[in-house]
């Protein structure tokens, strides 16, 4: 795609301005989860009204928004109501149907656009995009092969032994480690494809990982791009557990390369809004490892939640500004930060009995910022909130983060 694809002429929607029928300017979001909730808070701070379309009556974003349209994402009446209420619309997760965004875009600015969201919804298209812009971004994805038919499966088994051991991933609807199976042999590959329902998949070569990182960029309708410093991420069982966001979390040269690649990817897409690009740092024999692009999320991202408390402008502030056609200031991080993801597991002890986390002890720790998402039921693996720790220096932040993780019984985080 060209750098100007899907970019429309945008008249800024000013905070506090009056829209149609004398109603205060309203911004809409497809999806009612925690990302939508934090978007709503950011929009409301600037003086916008907000509208959320989500079928769940108890959705975290719907509970705090001025308007909550409780319909399915493809419901014509719901989409018409959202269009009538809002001057611009965004999405809070990539699995909102691209067709719904395309319908909305016939009447209102939609950022990001349906075409870009459609690419992020399909790993086959996403990897093809990364490969197409590798010459511009300077970073490619891991070696892979698409498997959509029995003939393609057989061809991979016969001709692509170099991809094993690998990870078989469903092309659609996979996230947080779901829809993925590790395979070492051709027989395991065939069994895994059957286990996943013989749906369209990608077989991706397993690489020797040193670390994982991500970059958040924001791009406006006019092509202006700003970004946050790359952050280092730690995953446990395929779900983000810790984000390290401070100087020295990644080697400088590697971080700058990741930032430049992310900006190039956003420009190549003609992206509008906040985009997260995730990378693997692989052991390629060099001092700091090589960089491989993994995937992208066309929205704010879990790894960027620290920006709410450690930066003068958060990822959600930039999401609001980008969609409304407002200036995008370069973010400034004023404190080193570590973010701990809080899953529903925190609400259960080692025997599986429900407990209340010791928030009193956690909040006594200096520099702790607790953000719970308003979800009424804690379940294992469910994202319930996050805890960001900020401080005057990296050492003090690490000390507090270790203690907080200990108090909350967070697994596998001794290396903070």
Protein backbone atom coordinates (compact mmCIF):
# COMPACT_ATOMS: atom_id res chain seq x y z
CA UNK A 1 0.00 0.00 0.00
CA UNK A 2 1.19 3.53 -0.60
CA UNK A 3 2.01 5.95 2.17
CA UNK A 4 -1.15 7.93 1.39
CA UNK A 5 -3.60 5.05 1.21
CA UNK A 6 -6.85 5.60 3.13
CA UNK A 7 -5.79 9.11 4.21
CA UNK A 8 -8.64 11.59 3.86
CA UNK A 9 -8.79 15.35 4.18
CA UNK A 10 -9.73 15.88 7.80
CA UNK A 11 -11.31 18.98 9.31
CA UNK A 12 -10.20 19.00 12.96
CA UNK A 13 -12.88 18.17 15.51
CA UNK A 14 -12.09 20.69 18.22
CA UNK A 15 -12.62 19.91 21.91
CA UNK A 16 -15.84 21.42 23.19
CA UNK A 17 -17.10 22.29 19.71
CA UNK A 18 -20.69 21.73 18.67
CA UNK A 19 -21.52 19.11 16.08
CA UNK A 20 -24.75 18.28 14.32
CA UNK A 21 -27.99 19.35 16.02
CA UNK A 22 -26.04 21.52 18.44
CA UNK A 23 -24.64 18.46 20.26
CA UNK A 24 -21.18 18.67 21.78
CA UNK A 25 -18.54 16.95 19.65
CA UNK A 26 -18.74 13.19 20.17
CA UNK A 27 -16.12 10.54 19.46
CA UNK A 28 -17.09 6.90 19.02
CA UNK A 29 -15.33 3.61 19.63
CA UNK A 30 -16.14 0.13 18.40
CA UNK A 31 -15.60 -2.26 21.30
CA UNK A 32 -16.18 -1.88 25.00
CA UNK A 33 -13.14 -3.47 26.68
CA UNK A 34 -10.46 -1.88 28.82
CA UNK A 35 -8.74 -0.20 25.89
CA UNK A 36 -12.03 1.45 25.00
CA UNK A 37 -12.50 2.47 28.63
CA UNK A 38 -9.12 4.24 28.71
CA UNK A 39 -9.85 5.87 25.34
CA UNK A 40 -13.16 7.15 26.72
CA UNK A 41 -11.44 8.64 29.78
CA UNK A 42 -8.87 10.39 27.55
CA UNK A 43 -11.56 11.79 25.25
CA UNK A 44 -13.67 13.00 28.14
CA UNK A 45 -10.72 14.83 29.72
CA UNK A 46 -10.49 16.90 26.53
CA UNK A 47 -14.19 17.70 26.71
CA UNK A 48 -15.58 15.32 24.10
CA UNK A 49 -18.71 13.28 24.56
CA UNK A 50 -18.19 9.59 23.83
CA UNK A 51 -20.21 6.71 22.40
CA UNK A 52 -19.36 3.01 22.66
CA UNK A 53 -20.80 0.22 20.50
CA UNK A 54 -20.54 -3.11 22.29
CA UNK A 55 -23.17 -5.82 22.87
CA UNK A 56 -22.18 -6.40 26.53
CA UNK A 57 -24.33 -4.37 28.93
CA UNK A 58 -21.48 -4.52 31.48
CA UNK A 59 -18.63 -3.66 29.12
CA UNK A 60 -15.92 -1.61 30.88
CA UNK A 61 -16.05 1.19 28.29
CA UNK A 62 -19.82 1.22 28.02
CA UNK A 63 -20.17 1.72 31.78
CA UNK A 64 -18.24 5.01 31.69
CA UNK A 65 -19.32 6.42 28.32
CA UNK A 66 -22.00 9.03 27.66
CA UNK A 67 -23.66 6.67 25.19
CA UNK A 68 -23.61 2.87 25.08
CA UNK A 69 -25.08 1.25 21.97
CA UNK A 70 -25.74 -2.39 22.93
CA UNK A 71 -25.79 -4.13 19.57
CA UNK A 72 -23.59 -6.47 17.60
CA UNK A 73 -20.74 -4.98 15.61
CA UNK A 74 -22.45 -5.63 12.27
CA UNK A 75 -25.93 -4.55 13.36
CA UNK A 76 -27.16 -1.95 10.81
CA UNK A 77 -29.28 -0.06 13.36
CA UNK A 78 -26.40 0.11 15.83
CA UNK A 79 -23.96 1.34 13.19
CA UNK A 80 -26.48 3.95 12.06
CA UNK A 81 -26.92 5.15 15.64
CA UNK A 82 -23.15 5.40 16.13
CA UNK A 83 -22.85 7.36 12.89
CA UNK A 84 -25.63 9.72 13.96
CA UNK A 85 -24.02 10.41 17.32
CA UNK A 86 -20.35 10.76 16.38
CA UNK A 87 -18.09 13.00 14.33
CA UNK A 88 -15.28 10.38 14.15
CA UNK A 89 -14.93 6.72 15.12
CA UNK A 90 -12.10 4.40 16.16
CA UNK A 91 -11.77 0.78 17.31
CA UNK A 92 -10.35 -0.68 20.50
CA UNK A 93 -9.54 -4.16 19.24
CA UNK A 94 -8.53 -5.58 15.90
CA UNK A 95 -11.26 -8.21 15.61
CA UNK A 96 -14.06 -5.71 15.06
CA UNK A 97 -15.37 -6.71 11.60
CA UNK A 98 -13.56 -4.70 8.94
CA UNK A 99 -16.82 -4.55 6.99
CA UNK A 100 -18.45 -2.64 9.87
CA UNK A 101 -15.64 -0.07 9.79
CA UNK A 102 -16.04 0.22 6.05
CA UNK A 103 -19.75 0.92 6.49
CA UNK A 104 -19.06 3.60 9.10
CA UNK A 105 -16.41 5.21 6.88
CA UNK A 106 -19.03 5.96 4.24
CA UNK A 107 -20.35 8.68 6.54
CA UNK A 108 -17.66 9.49 9.12
CA UNK A 109 -13.86 9.57 9.46
CA UNK A 110 -12.74 6.18 10.80
CA UNK A 111 -9.23 5.74 12.17
CA UNK A 112 -7.66 3.30 11.64
CA UNK A 113 -9.33 2.43 8.34
CA UNK A 114 -11.01 -0.86 7.47
CA UNK A 115 -8.28 -1.91 5.00
CA UNK A 116 -5.52 -1.64 7.60
CA UNK A 117 -7.55 -3.39 10.29
CA UNK A 118 -8.30 -6.14 7.78
CA UNK A 119 -4.56 -6.73 7.28
CA UNK A 120 -3.99 -6.99 11.04
CA UNK A 121 -6.87 -9.47 11.33
CA UNK A 122 -5.17 -11.98 9.05
CA UNK A 123 -1.66 -13.20 9.83
CA UNK A 124 -1.12 -14.25 6.22
CA UNK A 125 -1.85 -10.74 4.93
CA UNK A 126 0.06 -9.18 7.82
CA UNK A 127 3.22 -11.14 7.08
CA UNK A 128 2.91 -10.40 3.39
CA UNK A 129 2.76 -6.70 4.26
CA UNK A 130 5.85 -6.94 6.47
CA UNK A 131 7.71 -8.72 3.68
CA UNK A 132 6.57 -6.12 1.13
CA UNK A 133 7.86 -3.19 3.15
CA UNK A 134 11.05 -4.86 4.44
CA UNK A 135 13.15 -2.85 2.01
CA UNK A 136 11.75 0.34 3.55
CA UNK A 137 11.58 -0.71 7.20
CA UNK A 138 14.88 -2.60 7.16
CA UNK A 139 13.28 -5.39 9.21
CA UNK A 140 11.55 -8.56 8.00
CA UNK A 141 9.44 -11.20 9.69
CA UNK A 142 10.47 -14.74 10.59
CA UNK A 143 10.54 -17.29 7.73
CA UNK A 144 7.00 -18.62 7.27
CA UNK A 145 4.59 -20.44 4.99
CA UNK A 146 0.83 -20.10 4.62
CA UNK A 147 -1.22 -23.27 5.03
CA UNK A 148 -4.80 -22.95 3.82
CA UNK A 149 -5.31 -26.24 1.93
CA UNK A 150 -4.21 -29.88 2.25
CA UNK A 151 -2.03 -29.34 -0.84
CA UNK A 152 -0.21 -26.45 0.86
CA UNK A 153 0.25 -28.57 3.99
CA UNK A 154 1.80 -31.34 1.91
CA UNK A 155 4.05 -28.88 0.09
CA UNK A 156 5.33 -27.48 3.37
CA UNK A 157 5.95 -31.02 4.71
CA UNK A 158 7.83 -31.97 1.54
CA UNK A 159 9.72 -28.77 0.75
CA UNK A 160 10.03 -26.55 3.84
CA UNK A 161 11.79 -28.65 6.44
CA UNK A 162 13.71 -25.45 7.29
CA UNK A 163 10.58 -24.14 9.04
CA UNK A 164 10.68 -26.88 11.68
CA UNK A 165 10.66 -26.68 14.60
CA UNK A 166 8.05 -23.97 14.27
CA UNK A 167 4.82 -22.51 15.59
CA UNK A 168 1.56 -23.11 13.73
CA UNK A 169 -0.75 -20.11 14.20
CA UNK A 170 -4.31 -19.61 13.03
CA UNK A 171 -4.49 -16.80 10.51
CA UNK A 172 -7.43 -15.22 12.32
CA UNK A 173 -8.60 -14.66 15.89
CA UNK A 174 -5.40 -15.72 17.65
CA UNK A 175 -4.12 -13.57 20.53
CA UNK A 176 -2.45 -13.96 23.95
CA UNK A 177 -1.05 -17.33 22.90
CA UNK A 178 -4.42 -18.69 21.70
CA UNK A 179 -4.66 -20.51 18.38
CA UNK A 180 -0.99 -21.53 18.43
CA UNK A 181 0.69 -24.95 18.54
CA UNK A 182 4.41 -25.70 18.65
CA UNK A 183 5.47 -28.41 16.19
CA UNK A 184 8.79 -30.16 15.63
CA UNK A 185 8.09 -32.70 12.89
CA UNK A 186 5.97 -33.02 9.75
CA UNK A 187 3.68 -35.46 11.59
CA UNK A 188 3.18 -33.01 14.44
CA UNK A 189 2.43 -30.28 11.92
CA UNK A 190 -0.32 -32.34 10.28
CA UNK A 191 -1.82 -33.24 13.66
CA UNK A 192 -1.71 -29.62 14.83
CA UNK A 193 -3.44 -28.36 11.66
CA UNK A 194 -6.22 -30.89 12.24
CA UNK A 195 -6.40 -29.89 15.92
CA UNK A 196 -6.90 -26.24 14.88
CA UNK A 197 -9.77 -27.24 12.63
CA UNK A 198 -7.84 -27.22 9.32
CA UNK A 199 -8.45 -23.47 9.10
CA UNK A 200 -6.10 -21.04 7.37
CA UNK A 201 -2.83 -20.96 9.31
CA UNK A 202 0.74 -19.72 9.19
CA UNK A 203 3.69 -21.94 10.04
CA UNK A 204 6.41 -19.72 11.45
CA UNK A 205 9.97 -20.87 12.09
CA UNK A 206 10.95 -20.82 15.76
CA UNK A 207 13.82 -18.44 16.35
CA UNK A 208 16.36 -18.26 19.21
CA UNK A 209 14.86 -15.37 21.17
CA UNK A 210 16.84 -13.04 23.40
CA UNK A 211 13.97 -10.69 24.16
CA UNK A 212 10.75 -9.18 22.89
CA UNK A 213 9.97 -5.51 22.43
CA UNK A 214 7.30 -3.23 21.01
CA UNK A 215 6.97 0.30 19.67
CA UNK A 216 3.93 2.56 19.80
CA UNK A 217 3.56 5.12 17.03
CA UNK A 218 0.79 7.62 16.32
CA UNK A 219 0.14 8.97 12.84
CA UNK A 220 -2.26 11.76 11.92
CA UNK A 221 -4.41 12.34 8.87
CA UNK A 222 -1.76 14.73 7.58
CA UNK A 223 1.00 12.13 7.79
CA UNK A 224 2.62 13.51 10.95
CA UNK A 225 4.15 10.68 13.03
CA UNK A 226 5.33 10.58 16.63
CA UNK A 227 6.39 7.63 18.74
CA UNK A 228 7.21 6.47 22.23
CA UNK A 229 10.57 4.94 23.09
CA UNK A 230 10.57 1.17 22.44
CA UNK A 231 9.81 -0.95 25.49
CA UNK A 232 11.04 -4.44 26.44
CA UNK A 233 8.31 -7.00 27.15
CA UNK A 234 8.21 -10.27 29.06
CA UNK A 235 5.50 -12.83 28.32
CA UNK A 236 4.36 -15.72 30.52
CA UNK A 237 2.31 -18.47 28.83
CA UNK A 238 1.86 -16.25 25.79
CA UNK A 239 0.38 -13.31 27.71
CA UNK A 240 2.21 -10.06 28.42
CA UNK A 241 3.36 -10.06 32.04
CA UNK A 242 5.85 -7.18 32.38
CA UNK A 243 6.82 -4.13 30.37
CA UNK A 244 10.17 -2.45 31.05
CA UNK A 245 10.09 1.18 29.93
CA UNK A 246 13.23 3.08 30.82
CA UNK A 247 16.54 4.10 29.34
CA UNK A 248 18.73 1.03 29.00
CA UNK A 249 15.85 -1.47 28.82
CA UNK A 250 17.05 -2.10 25.25
CA UNK A 251 20.39 -1.32 23.59
CA UNK A 252 20.20 2.16 22.02
CA UNK A 253 20.97 1.06 18.47
CA UNK A 254 18.42 -1.76 18.61
CA UNK A 255 15.74 0.55 20.04
CA UNK A 256 16.32 3.14 17.34
CA UNK A 257 16.14 0.50 14.64
CA UNK A 258 12.82 -0.77 16.05
CA UNK A 259 11.44 2.77 16.17
CA UNK A 260 12.47 3.53 12.59
CA UNK A 261 10.99 0.24 11.35
CA UNK A 262 7.68 0.92 13.13
CA UNK A 263 7.40 4.39 11.63
CA UNK A 264 8.15 2.97 8.18
CA UNK A 265 5.45 0.32 8.60
CA UNK A 266 2.89 2.95 9.65
CA UNK A 267 3.83 5.19 6.73
CA UNK A 268 3.67 2.32 4.25
CA UNK A 269 0.14 1.53 5.45
CA UNK A 270 -0.99 5.16 5.32
CA UNK A 271 -2.04 4.48 8.91
CA UNK A 272 -4.11 6.92 10.99
CA UNK A 273 -4.27 6.41 14.76
CA UNK A 274 -2.12 4.57 17.29
CA UNK A 275 -0.28 1.48 16.06
CA UNK A 276 1.75 -1.02 18.09
CA UNK A 277 4.42 -3.04 16.30
CA UNK A 278 5.89 -6.01 18.17
CA UNK A 279 9.37 -7.40 17.52
CA UNK A 280 11.50 -10.39 18.44
CA UNK A 281 15.13 -9.80 19.38
CA UNK A 282 16.88 -12.92 18.10
CA UNK A 283 20.32 -14.38 18.69
CA UNK A 284 22.05 -13.81 15.36
CA UNK A 285 25.60 -13.84 16.64
CA UNK A 286 25.85 -10.07 17.02
CA UNK A 287 26.46 -8.29 20.31
CA UNK A 288 22.85 -7.25 20.88
CA UNK A 289 20.93 -9.60 18.58
CA UNK A 290 18.93 -9.02 15.44
CA UNK A 291 15.45 -7.61 15.04
CA UNK A 292 12.49 -9.50 13.52
CA UNK A 293 9.00 -8.03 13.25
CA UNK A 294 6.36 -10.29 14.81
CA UNK A 295 2.95 -8.66 14.50
CA UNK A 296 1.08 -5.37 14.74
CA UNK A 297 -1.98 -4.20 16.65
CA UNK A 298 -4.04 -1.39 15.04
CA UNK A 299 -4.85 0.23 18.38
CA UNK A 300 -3.28 1.14 21.71
CA UNK A 301 -1.57 -1.82 23.32
CA UNK A 302 -1.17 -3.50 26.70
CA UNK A 303 2.57 -2.79 26.59
CA UNK A 304 1.86 0.95 26.35
CA UNK A 305 -0.25 1.29 29.49
CA UNK A 306 2.72 2.69 31.39
CA UNK A 307 2.36 5.87 29.30
CA UNK A 308 -0.67 6.83 31.41
CA UNK A 309 1.57 7.45 34.42
CA UNK A 310 5.12 7.84 33.10
CA UNK A 311 4.61 10.20 30.15
CA UNK A 312 3.19 13.68 29.63
CA UNK A 313 0.99 12.34 26.81
CA UNK A 314 -0.40 8.79 26.91
CA UNK A 315 -1.08 6.41 24.05
CA UNK A 316 -4.81 7.09 24.56
CA UNK A 317 -4.32 10.85 24.40
CA UNK A 318 -2.63 10.35 21.04
CA UNK A 319 -5.41 8.03 19.88
CA UNK A 320 -7.94 10.81 20.57
CA UNK A 321 -5.81 13.49 18.95
CA UNK A 322 -5.07 11.45 15.82
CA UNK A 323 -8.69 10.56 15.07
CA UNK A 324 -9.89 14.11 15.80
CA UNK A 325 -7.27 15.71 13.55
CA UNK A 326 -5.51 17.53 16.39
CA UNK A 327 -1.73 18.16 16.64
CA UNK A 328 0.39 15.22 17.77
CA UNK A 329 3.03 16.37 20.29
CA UNK A 330 6.15 14.29 20.67
CA UNK A 331 5.64 12.28 23.89
CA UNK A 332 8.06 12.88 26.75
CA UNK A 333 8.66 10.18 29.36
CA UNK A 334 9.33 11.86 32.69
CA UNK A 335 9.93 8.74 34.83
CA UNK A 336 11.37 5.27 34.37
CA UNK A 337 8.55 2.72 34.61
CA UNK A 338 7.72 -0.97 34.93
CA UNK A 339 4.21 -2.19 34.18
CA UNK A 340 2.84 -5.41 35.70
CA UNK A 341 -0.14 -6.99 33.96
CA UNK A 342 -2.82 -8.14 36.43
CA UNK A 343 -4.71 -11.23 35.32
CA UNK A 344 -7.63 -12.81 37.15
CA UNK A 345 -5.14 -15.29 38.64
CA UNK A 346 -4.19 -12.61 41.18
CA UNK A 347 -7.64 -13.04 42.78
CA UNK A 348 -7.01 -16.76 43.57
CA UNK A 349 -4.59 -18.44 45.98
CA UNK A 350 -2.47 -21.51 45.26
CA UNK A 351 -5.41 -23.76 46.18
CA UNK A 352 -7.72 -22.08 43.71
CA UNK A 353 -9.70 -20.32 46.44
CA UNK A 354 -10.85 -16.79 45.70
CA UNK A 355 -9.11 -14.04 47.63
CA UNK A 356 -8.88 -10.27 47.51
CA UNK A 357 -5.42 -9.00 46.53
CA UNK A 358 -3.61 -7.07 49.27
CA UNK A 359 -4.10 -3.65 47.70
CA UNK A 360 -3.35 -1.94 51.01
CA UNK A 361 0.19 -3.32 51.03
CA UNK A 362 0.70 -2.72 47.30
CA UNK A 363 -0.47 0.89 47.44
CA UNK A 364 1.83 1.63 50.38
CA UNK A 365 4.74 1.12 48.02
CA UNK A 366 6.12 4.35 46.55
CA UNK A 367 5.32 5.15 42.93
CA UNK A 368 2.57 2.56 42.45
CA UNK A 369 -0.31 3.39 40.09
CA UNK A 370 -3.17 0.87 40.10
CA UNK A 371 -5.59 0.74 37.17
CA UNK A 372 -8.45 -1.79 37.42
CA UNK A 373 -10.71 -2.15 34.41
CA UNK A 374 -14.13 -2.39 36.03
CA UNK A 375 -14.68 -6.10 35.26
CA UNK A 376 -17.00 -7.66 37.80
CA UNK A 377 -15.75 -11.25 37.58
CA UNK A 378 -12.15 -12.34 37.95
CA UNK A 379 -11.26 -15.39 35.86
CA UNK A 380 -7.95 -17.16 35.28
CA UNK A 381 -6.15 -15.54 32.34
CA UNK A 382 -8.58 -12.60 32.13
CA UNK A 383 -6.98 -9.15 32.01
CA UNK A 384 -8.34 -7.36 35.06
CA UNK A 385 -5.98 -4.40 35.35
CA UNK A 386 -2.37 -3.29 35.49
CA UNK A 387 0.03 -1.81 38.01
CA UNK A 388 2.61 0.72 36.88
CA UNK A 389 5.57 1.59 39.08
CA UNK A 390 7.40 4.86 38.50
CA UNK A 391 10.30 6.37 40.39
CA UNK A 392 13.31 8.67 40.25
CA UNK A 393 15.66 5.99 38.89
CA UNK A 394 15.62 2.51 37.40
CA UNK A 395 16.99 0.75 40.49
CA UNK A 396 14.24 2.05 42.78
CA UNK A 397 11.55 1.17 40.24
CA UNK A 398 12.91 -2.37 39.93
CA UNK A 399 12.99 -2.78 43.72
CA UNK A 400 9.38 -1.70 44.13
CA UNK A 401 8.24 -3.80 41.17
CA UNK A 402 9.82 -6.92 42.65
CA UNK A 403 8.08 -6.30 45.97
CA UNK A 404 4.73 -5.62 44.31
CA UNK A 405 5.02 -8.83 42.27
CA UNK A 406 5.79 -10.74 45.46
CA UNK A 407 2.78 -9.28 47.29
CA UNK A 408 0.47 -10.12 44.38
CA UNK A 409 1.87 -13.62 43.86
CA UNK A 410 2.72 -12.94 40.24
CA UNK A 411 4.44 -15.99 38.71
CA UNK A 412 7.72 -16.06 36.87
CA UNK A 413 8.63 -12.45 37.59
CA UNK A 414 11.68 -12.93 39.80
CA UNK A 415 13.89 -11.49 37.08
CA UNK A 416 12.42 -7.98 37.26
